[in-house]
Amino acid sequence: MVRTSKNFKEGLYVLSQATEPKELFEAWAIMGNSNDTSAIVSLDNYHRSGYPNGIKKLIESENSHFIPYFSTDKLYFIENELNREMIMNGSADTTFKVDYSIMLDTNYASYIDNFVRNNEWSTMNNEVFQVIDVLIRGGYNYDYLFYMIENYKNSFKLEGVEDESIRKDKRAKLYRNLVSLELFKSIDQQKYIEKGIISYTITETEAFLLADQIFNGTFNASSIEGMMSIFKNLHQCMILLLIGILINKFENKAGVPKKLDNLFKFINDELGIYYEREFIIAHKYFMNSKNVNMLNKFNKGMKTGKLFRQIENIAWDFSVPRIMEYFLKRGGEGRFFIPFFLTNDFNLRQLLSLFKVKGVIFDKKGDLFIPLPVVNTSDYFEEHKCNIEIHFTDDIKEKREKVYQRNVEEHFGIIKESFERLVKILE
């Protein structure tokens, strides 16, 4: 759902500029939000951390592998019911549970598996070992779903790429990593801190049973096809968007504003959906390819198969913040949910830092989800002399919606056509 009322837009702008709770409440009053609407906003002049103990220090350490969704930990939570509770209690410090989880990428799931199964820890990368040490000492919560989603296609969806024996091996590896993750979660924290001893509080058999519940509860659940279709469509969109970005990068030597305009035409005609975060990243890439190291893997003369595999893999990286948003909105056991991401991939960490999020406003039961960037998007493009407003008329937005629906109905067959165009450009 996209809200277009004048009051909502005005309140949204005030919300994006707020630095203290008072301004946040003013914005909320202007917007007239429903009881289903919630917001999480970081405020410069609010000094209460929304992060669990120890996480902030980890995030702020040099070359940290921990990536937060929000730009700072100074988070303020707001919704109508919570506002009423604060009025009744006569306090802005009403206590409520905030759930959080650290999402693991495939590399970290493998590192933890190696840690659990290999007593020769001296062979492990020192930086990774230090992170694992911190994870054990902190006793944090973990979310396996991103790791499982990332491996879903290779493990379950053949699509003519690999034979069944390879797919079976990947399923076994996925399952084995889940067992190791369950064992890792059960490490006796106190014994490790006091004596440096790894002692599990569950047996390997119990870990297998828990992994089996997670595995079957996810992949054999009645809702799996619906959930995976959301992520599959997202991944397909990111593949198509990356192809569009690369076409405009290599097709000609036009200036950055012209490349951006051509990319918008690609979005309007071929993709059918505007992604604000990724569009800003594309602009930074057009300005200087070093701004987005991940995309420097692409160059002229690449073999077709390798080119498409690289695009597919990077499309998952581009999907990370969107998947974090999915779980942020869906929530956990608490009143609000805060996602974190753990990766040792420097290029991915750089990518995730290119669009810093001040806050979000969303409907828990509806389609509304609006990230509020630290830097106002309109101001950003105006500063760089790029006119994007012409692409947001009612007619063009309606056109994009129709193009997107066509792509979904046609299972993104447009990808093959657009990829062939890119291949010719890179020959």
Protein backbone atom coordinates (compact mmCIF):
# COMPACT_ATOMS: atom_id res chain seq x y z
CA MET A 1 0.00 0.00 0.00
CA VAL A 2 1.33 3.42 -0.98
CA ARG A 3 -0.09 6.34 0.95
CA THR A 4 -0.27 9.52 -1.09
CA SER A 5 -2.28 11.93 1.08
CA LYS A 6 -0.74 15.35 1.63
CA ASN A 7 -0.73 14.86 5.43
CA PHE A 8 1.02 11.51 5.18
CA LYS A 9 3.73 12.90 2.90
CA GLU A 10 4.24 15.91 5.13
CA GLY A 11 4.42 13.74 8.25
CA LEU A 12 6.80 11.35 6.53
CA TYR A 13 9.19 14.20 5.78
CA VAL A 14 9.03 15.44 9.40
CA LEU A 15 9.65 11.85 10.53
CA SER A 16 12.72 11.60 8.30
CA GLN A 17 14.15 14.80 9.81
CA ALA A 18 13.36 14.06 13.47
CA THR A 19 16.24 14.14 15.94
CA GLU A 20 14.33 13.71 19.22
CA PRO A 21 11.13 11.99 20.44
CA LYS A 22 9.10 15.23 20.49
CA GLU A 23 9.57 15.70 16.74
CA LEU A 24 8.69 12.06 16.17
CA PHE A 25 5.37 12.47 17.98
CA GLU A 26 4.65 15.62 15.94
CA ALA A 27 5.20 13.67 12.72
CA TRP A 28 3.01 10.82 13.97
CA ALA A 29 0.16 13.24 14.74
CA ILE A 30 0.38 14.81 11.27
CA MET A 31 0.26 11.42 9.54
CA GLY A 32 -2.79 10.13 11.42
CA ASN A 33 -1.58 6.52 11.37
CA SER A 34 -3.81 3.51 11.96
CA ASN A 35 -3.44 1.12 14.89
CA ASP A 36 -1.65 -1.35 12.60
CA THR A 37 1.13 1.12 11.79
CA SER A 38 4.49 1.07 13.56
CA ALA A 39 7.77 2.88 13.19
CA ILE A 40 11.36 2.43 14.33
CA VAL A 41 13.47 5.57 13.97
CA SER A 42 17.02 6.42 15.03
CA LEU A 43 17.22 9.82 16.73
CA ASP A 44 20.49 11.72 17.15
CA ASN A 45 19.30 13.39 20.36
CA TYR A 46 18.00 10.21 21.99
CA HIS A 47 20.52 8.32 24.07
CA ARG A 48 19.01 4.95 24.82
CA SER A 49 20.37 2.01 22.85
CA GLY A 50 17.94 -0.32 21.12
CA TYR A 51 20.60 -3.00 20.67
CA PRO A 52 21.27 -6.00 22.94
CA ASN A 53 24.25 -5.76 25.29
CA GLY A 54 27.59 -6.02 23.56
CA ILE A 55 26.30 -5.72 19.98
CA LYS A 56 27.04 -1.99 19.67
CA LYS A 57 30.72 -2.48 20.53
CA LEU A 58 30.99 -5.28 17.96
CA ILE A 59 29.41 -3.19 15.23
CA GLU A 60 31.64 -0.20 15.89
CA SER A 61 34.87 -2.22 15.87
CA GLU A 62 37.16 -1.75 12.85
CA ASN A 63 36.25 -3.96 9.87
CA SER A 64 33.36 -5.43 11.84
CA HIS A 65 31.65 -8.47 10.35
CA PHE A 66 28.38 -7.41 12.04
CA ILE A 67 26.11 -5.32 9.83
CA PRO A 68 23.12 -3.57 11.46
CA TYR A 69 20.04 -2.67 9.46
CA PHE A 70 19.77 0.77 11.09
CA SER A 71 22.37 3.55 10.92
CA THR A 72 22.66 3.90 14.72
CA ASP A 73 21.54 2.14 17.88
CA LYS A 74 19.62 5.21 19.17
CA LEU A 75 16.28 3.68 18.24
CA TYR A 76 12.87 4.95 19.24
CA PHE A 77 9.81 2.73 18.77
CA ILE A 78 6.36 4.14 18.16
CA GLU A 79 2.82 2.89 17.53
CA ASN A 80 -0.61 4.01 18.73
CA GLU A 81 -1.07 1.34 21.41
CA LEU A 82 2.40 1.99 22.80
CA ASN A 83 1.67 5.73 22.89
CA ARG A 84 -1.48 5.08 24.92
CA GLU A 85 0.44 2.88 27.34
CA MET A 86 3.03 5.62 27.88
CA ILE A 87 0.28 8.17 28.59
CA MET A 88 -1.40 5.83 31.07
CA ASN A 89 1.92 5.07 32.79
CA GLY A 90 2.99 8.68 32.73
CA SER A 91 6.40 7.64 31.40
CA ALA A 92 8.25 7.52 28.09
CA ASP A 93 10.23 4.54 29.39
CA THR A 94 7.47 1.94 29.13
CA THR A 95 9.10 -1.51 29.14
CA PHE A 96 8.46 -3.87 26.25
CA LYS A 97 10.33 -6.70 24.58
CA VAL A 98 12.45 -6.03 21.49
CA ASP A 99 13.43 -9.19 19.65
CA TYR A 100 16.52 -9.37 17.47
CA SER A 101 18.45 -11.91 15.47
CA ILE A 102 21.79 -12.24 13.70
CA MET A 103 21.37 -13.56 10.17
CA LEU A 104 24.21 -15.73 8.88
CA ASP A 105 25.43 -15.98 5.31
CA THR A 106 26.59 -19.31 3.84
CA ASN A 107 30.25 -18.63 4.65
CA TYR A 108 29.59 -18.11 8.35
CA ALA A 109 27.36 -21.17 8.55
CA SER A 110 30.32 -23.14 7.14
CA TYR A 111 32.78 -21.50 9.55
CA ILE A 112 30.63 -22.52 12.50
CA ASP A 113 30.34 -26.06 11.12
CA ASN A 114 34.13 -26.18 10.84
CA PHE A 115 34.49 -24.86 14.39
CA VAL A 116 32.13 -27.48 15.82
CA ARG A 117 33.62 -30.42 13.92
CA ASN A 118 37.30 -29.45 13.98
CA ASN A 119 39.24 -29.22 17.24
CA GLU A 120 42.26 -27.77 15.41
CA TRP A 121 41.08 -24.19 15.79
CA SER A 122 44.56 -22.86 15.11
CA THR A 123 43.93 -23.57 11.44
CA MET A 124 41.00 -21.13 11.38
CA ASN A 125 41.27 -17.58 10.11
CA ASN A 126 42.08 -15.44 13.18
CA GLU A 127 39.48 -12.78 12.40
CA VAL A 128 36.73 -15.37 12.00
CA PHE A 129 37.82 -17.17 15.17
CA GLN A 130 37.60 -13.88 17.10
CA VAL A 131 34.02 -13.38 15.86
CA ILE A 132 33.07 -16.92 16.86
CA ASP A 133 34.63 -16.31 20.29
CA VAL A 134 32.47 -13.18 20.69
CA LEU A 135 29.35 -15.06 19.56
CA ILE A 136 29.83 -17.72 22.22
CA ARG A 137 30.54 -15.19 24.97
CA GLY A 138 27.53 -13.06 24.01
CA GLY A 139 24.96 -15.85 23.80
CA TYR A 140 23.13 -14.10 20.94
CA ASN A 141 20.07 -15.13 18.94
CA TYR A 142 20.45 -16.43 15.38
CA ASP A 143 18.23 -16.64 12.33
CA TYR A 144 19.03 -19.42 9.84
CA LEU A 145 16.39 -18.45 7.31
CA PHE A 146 18.57 -16.22 5.14
CA TYR A 147 21.15 -18.99 4.91
CA MET A 148 18.41 -21.48 4.05
CA ILE A 149 16.83 -19.15 1.48
CA GLU A 150 20.21 -18.49 -0.12
CA ASN A 151 20.70 -22.24 -0.57
CA TYR A 152 17.12 -23.13 -1.49
CA LYS A 153 17.56 -23.05 -5.26
CA ASN A 154 20.75 -25.14 -5.32
CA SER A 155 19.32 -27.67 -2.88
CA PHE A 156 15.77 -28.06 -4.16
CA LYS A 157 15.26 -26.34 -7.50
CA LEU A 158 17.23 -28.06 -10.26
CA GLU A 159 16.12 -25.91 -13.23
CA GLY A 160 18.45 -27.87 -15.54
CA VAL A 161 21.64 -26.63 -13.88
CA GLU A 162 22.90 -29.65 -11.93
CA ASP A 163 22.15 -33.35 -11.62
CA GLU A 164 20.30 -34.87 -8.68
CA SER A 165 23.44 -36.28 -7.02
CA ILE A 166 24.98 -32.81 -6.73
CA ARG A 167 21.72 -31.41 -5.43
CA LYS A 168 21.53 -34.24 -2.88
CA ASP A 169 25.06 -33.43 -1.66
CA LYS A 170 24.11 -29.77 -1.21
CA ARG A 171 21.03 -30.73 0.78
CA ALA A 172 23.21 -32.91 3.01
CA LYS A 173 25.67 -30.04 3.53
CA LEU A 174 22.82 -27.67 4.37
CA TYR A 175 21.42 -30.17 6.87
CA ARG A 176 24.86 -30.82 8.40
CA ASN A 177 25.41 -27.09 8.91
CA LEU A 178 22.05 -26.81 10.67
CA VAL A 179 23.11 -29.57 13.08
CA SER A 180 26.37 -27.74 13.79
CA LEU A 181 24.51 -24.47 14.32
CA GLU A 182 22.26 -26.14 16.90
CA LEU A 183 25.30 -27.56 18.70
CA PHE A 184 26.99 -24.16 18.56
CA LYS A 185 23.95 -22.49 20.13
CA SER A 186 24.06 -25.01 22.99
CA ILE A 187 27.69 -24.32 24.05
CA ASP A 188 27.94 -23.79 27.81
CA GLN A 189 28.69 -20.08 27.82
CA GLN A 190 29.85 -19.87 31.44
CA LYS A 191 32.24 -22.81 31.15
CA TYR A 192 33.73 -21.34 27.98
CA ILE A 193 34.25 -17.90 29.58
CA GLU A 194 35.74 -19.27 32.78
CA LYS A 195 37.81 -22.18 31.49
CA GLY A 196 37.97 -21.86 27.70
CA ILE A 197 36.35 -25.27 27.37
CA ILE A 198 33.80 -26.15 24.69
CA SER A 199 31.01 -28.13 26.34
CA TYR A 200 27.67 -28.74 24.64
CA THR A 201 24.46 -28.82 26.64
CA ILE A 202 22.76 -31.08 24.09
CA THR A 203 23.91 -34.29 22.41
CA GLU A 204 24.57 -34.59 18.69
CA THR A 205 21.44 -36.75 18.43
CA GLU A 206 19.39 -33.97 20.00
CA ALA A 207 21.00 -31.49 17.58
CA PHE A 208 19.96 -33.72 14.67
CA LEU A 209 16.38 -33.79 15.96
CA LEU A 210 16.32 -29.98 16.31
CA ALA A 211 17.82 -29.53 12.83
CA ASP A 212 15.22 -31.92 11.47
CA GLN A 213 12.44 -29.82 12.98
CA ILE A 214 13.89 -26.66 11.43
CA PHE A 215 14.55 -28.34 8.08
CA ASN A 216 11.12 -29.91 7.74
CA GLY A 217 9.34 -27.05 9.46
CA THR A 218 10.70 -24.71 6.81
CA PHE A 219 10.96 -26.69 3.58
CA ASN A 220 7.95 -28.94 4.10
CA ALA A 221 5.68 -26.28 5.56
CA SER A 222 2.46 -25.50 3.71
CA SER A 223 3.56 -21.86 3.48
CA ILE A 224 6.98 -22.54 1.90
CA GLU A 225 5.89 -22.05 -1.71
CA GLY A 226 4.25 -18.72 -0.93
CA MET A 227 7.23 -17.49 1.09
CA MET A 228 9.79 -18.68 -1.45
CA SER A 229 7.85 -17.10 -4.32
CA ILE A 230 8.36 -13.73 -2.60
CA PHE A 231 12.12 -14.26 -2.41
CA LYS A 232 12.32 -15.83 -5.87
CA ASN A 233 10.60 -12.81 -7.43
CA LEU A 234 12.88 -10.50 -5.46
CA HIS A 235 15.94 -12.39 -6.68
CA GLN A 236 14.71 -12.30 -10.28
CA CYS A 237 14.12 -8.55 -10.00
CA MET A 238 17.65 -8.04 -8.69
CA ILE A 239 19.08 -10.12 -11.55
CA LEU A 240 17.19 -8.00 -14.07
CA LEU A 241 18.15 -4.76 -12.35
CA LEU A 242 21.84 -5.77 -12.31
CA ILE A 243 21.66 -6.56 -16.02
CA GLY A 244 20.16 -3.09 -16.60
CA ILE A 245 22.89 -1.44 -14.53
CA LEU A 246 25.64 -3.27 -16.44
CA ILE A 247 24.08 -2.48 -19.82
CA ASN A 248 24.12 1.21 -18.99
CA LYS A 249 27.63 1.00 -17.54
CA PHE A 250 29.20 -0.57 -20.62
CA GLU A 251 26.94 0.34 -23.55
CA ASN A 252 28.25 3.86 -24.12
CA LYS A 253 30.30 6.67 -22.61
CA ALA A 254 27.35 8.88 -21.71
CA GLY A 255 27.59 11.10 -18.63
CA VAL A 256 26.25 9.96 -15.29
CA PRO A 257 22.91 11.87 -15.49
CA LYS A 258 22.26 10.34 -18.92
CA LYS A 259 23.16 6.84 -17.70
CA LEU A 260 20.80 7.30 -14.79
CA ASP A 261 18.00 8.45 -17.09
CA ASN A 262 18.58 5.45 -19.37
CA LEU A 263 18.50 3.13 -16.34
CA PHE A 264 15.16 4.63 -15.32
CA LYS A 265 13.82 3.90 -18.80
CA PHE A 266 15.02 0.31 -18.39
CA ILE A 267 13.22 0.15 -15.05
CA ASN A 268 10.03 1.61 -16.53
CA ASP A 269 10.01 -0.58 -19.66
CA GLU A 270 11.70 -3.83 -18.61
CA LEU A 271 11.83 -4.26 -14.82
CA GLY A 272 8.63 -2.60 -13.68
CA ILE A 273 9.61 -1.70 -10.12
CA TYR A 274 11.66 1.15 -8.66
CA TYR A 275 14.09 0.23 -5.89
CA GLU A 276 15.31 3.40 -4.19
CA ARG A 277 18.26 1.85 -2.36
CA GLU A 278 19.61 0.03 -5.40
CA PHE A 279 19.06 3.03 -7.67
CA ILE A 280 21.29 5.18 -5.44
CA ILE A 281 23.89 2.40 -5.43
CA ALA A 282 23.75 2.31 -9.25
CA HIS A 283 24.32 6.07 -9.36
CA LYS A 284 27.37 5.75 -7.09
CA TYR A 285 28.67 2.95 -9.34
CA PHE A 286 28.24 5.10 -12.45
CA MET A 287 30.16 7.92 -10.75
CA ASN A 288 33.06 5.67 -9.75
CA SER A 289 33.16 1.89 -10.04
CA LYS A 290 35.35 1.72 -6.90
CA ASN A 291 32.30 2.87 -4.90
CA VAL A 292 30.81 -0.59 -5.48
CA ASN A 293 33.70 -3.07 -5.56
CA MET A 294 31.32 -5.98 -5.93
CA LEU A 295 30.41 -4.85 -9.45
CA ASN A 296 34.06 -4.58 -10.50
CA LYS A 297 33.95 -8.32 -11.14
CA PHE A 298 32.27 -7.57 -14.45
CA ASN A 299 34.28 -6.68 -17.53
CA LYS A 300 34.28 -7.13 -21.26
CA GLY A 301 35.15 -10.54 -22.66
CA MET A 302 33.65 -12.60 -19.80
CA LYS A 303 32.40 -16.07 -20.67
CA THR A 304 28.61 -16.17 -20.86
CA GLY A 305 28.11 -18.87 -18.21
CA LYS A 306 30.43 -17.22 -15.71
CA LEU A 307 28.82 -13.84 -16.35
CA PHE A 308 25.33 -15.08 -15.54
CA ARG A 309 26.47 -17.03 -12.45
CA GLN A 310 28.16 -13.88 -11.14
CA ILE A 311 25.00 -11.86 -11.69
CA GLU A 312 22.89 -14.52 -9.93
CA ASN A 313 25.22 -14.59 -6.93
CA ILE A 314 25.47 -10.81 -6.61
CA ALA A 315 21.68 -10.56 -6.95
CA TRP A 316 21.47 -12.47 -3.64
CA ASP A 317 23.84 -9.94 -2.07
CA PHE A 318 21.65 -7.10 -3.35
CA SER A 319 18.66 -8.90 -1.80
CA VAL A 320 20.11 -8.98 1.74
CA PRO A 321 18.58 -5.70 3.04
CA ARG A 322 15.23 -6.57 1.44
CA ILE A 323 15.18 -9.93 3.20
CA MET A 324 16.15 -8.21 6.47
CA GLU A 325 13.14 -5.92 5.93
CA TYR A 326 10.87 -8.92 5.38
CA PHE A 327 11.78 -10.33 8.79
CA LEU A 328 11.77 -6.91 10.45
CA LYS A 329 8.16 -6.46 9.44
CA ARG A 330 7.13 -10.03 10.17
CA GLY A 331 8.60 -9.65 13.65
CA GLY A 332 9.71 -12.21 16.19
CA GLU A 333 8.78 -12.93 19.77
CA GLY A 334 8.98 -9.29 20.86
CA ARG A 335 6.89 -6.22 20.16
CA PHE A 336 9.49 -5.07 17.63
CA PHE A 337 12.21 -6.90 15.75
CA ILE A 338 15.72 -5.69 14.84
CA PRO A 339 17.77 -7.66 12.27
CA PHE A 340 21.56 -7.88 12.02
CA PHE A 341 23.67 -9.56 9.35
CA LEU A 342 26.96 -11.39 9.77
CA THR A 343 29.41 -11.72 6.86
CA ASN A 344 33.15 -11.65 6.31
CA ASP A 345 32.66 -10.49 2.70
CA PHE A 346 34.19 -7.00 2.53
CA ASN A 347 32.42 -6.17 -0.74
CA LEU A 348 29.05 -7.12 0.73
CA ARG A 349 29.73 -5.03 3.82
CA GLN A 350 30.62 -2.11 1.56
CA LEU A 351 27.42 -2.61 -0.44
CA LEU A 352 25.25 -2.61 2.69
CA SER A 353 26.89 0.63 3.89
CA LEU A 354 25.97 2.60 0.75
CA PHE A 355 22.36 3.24 1.82
CA LYS A 356 22.17 4.00 5.52
CA VAL A 357 18.68 3.67 7.02
CA LYS A 358 17.49 6.18 9.62
CA GLY A 359 14.23 4.36 10.25
CA VAL A 360 11.22 2.53 8.86
CA ILE A 361 7.47 2.93 8.97
CA PHE A 362 5.31 -0.10 8.25
CA ASP A 363 1.93 -1.76 8.70
CA LYS A 364 2.21 -5.08 10.50
CA LYS A 365 -0.84 -6.45 8.68
CA GLY A 366 -0.63 -4.51 5.42
CA ASP A 367 1.74 -3.87 2.52
CA LEU A 368 3.15 -0.56 3.75
CA PHE A 369 6.91 -0.58 4.33
CA ILE A 370 8.91 2.61 3.83
CA PRO A 371 12.62 2.81 4.70
CA LEU A 372 13.74 6.33 5.61
CA PRO A 373 17.32 6.92 4.41
CA VAL A 374 19.72 9.05 6.41
CA VAL A 375 20.25 11.18 3.28
CA ASN A 376 17.05 12.47 1.65
CA THR A 377 16.83 10.89 -1.81
CA SER A 378 15.38 13.96 -3.54
CA ASP A 379 18.14 16.14 -2.08
CA TYR A 380 20.75 13.56 -3.10
CA PHE A 381 19.74 13.51 -6.76
CA GLU A 382 19.17 17.25 -6.90
CA GLU A 383 22.70 17.75 -5.58
CA HIS A 384 24.01 15.53 -8.39
CA LYS A 385 21.91 17.35 -11.01
CA CYS A 386 19.76 14.33 -11.82
CA ASN A 387 16.07 14.93 -12.46
CA ILE A 388 14.19 11.83 -11.35
CA GLU A 389 10.84 13.49 -10.64
CA ILE A 390 9.76 13.06 -14.27
CA HIS A 391 9.65 9.31 -13.67
CA PHE A 392 7.10 9.54 -10.86
CA THR A 393 4.00 10.78 -12.65
CA ASP A 394 0.84 8.72 -12.09
CA ASP A 395 0.98 7.42 -15.67
CA ILE A 396 4.57 6.17 -15.39
CA LYS A 397 3.98 4.58 -11.98
CA GLU A 398 0.92 2.79 -13.38
CA LYS A 399 3.00 1.63 -16.35
CA ARG A 400 5.69 0.23 -14.05
CA GLU A 401 3.10 -1.70 -12.08
CA LYS A 402 1.75 -3.32 -15.27
CA VAL A 403 5.26 -4.22 -16.46
CA TYR A 404 6.06 -5.85 -13.11
CA GLN A 405 2.85 -7.88 -13.11
CA ARG A 406 3.62 -9.02 -16.65
CA ASN A 407 7.08 -10.15 -15.59
CA VAL A 408 5.67 -12.15 -12.67
CA GLU A 409 3.06 -13.79 -14.89
CA GLU A 410 5.70 -14.61 -17.52
CA HIS A 411 8.16 -15.88 -14.86
CA PHE A 412 10.63 -13.14 -15.75
CA GLY A 413 11.25 -14.43 -19.27
CA ILE A 414 12.50 -10.89 -20.01
CA ILE A 415 15.74 -11.79 -18.20
CA LYS A 416 16.95 -13.98 -21.09
CA GLU A 417 16.31 -11.24 -23.65
CA SER A 418 18.01 -8.54 -21.58
CA PHE A 419 20.96 -10.82 -20.75
CA GLU A 420 21.54 -11.54 -24.45
CA ARG A 421 21.71 -7.78 -25.01
CA LEU A 422 24.31 -7.47 -22.25
CA VAL A 423 26.38 -10.34 -23.69
CA LYS A 424 26.59 -8.57 -27.05
CA ILE A 425 27.70 -5.36 -25.36
CA LEU A 426 30.45 -7.16 -23.43
CA GLU A 427 31.75 -9.16 -26.42
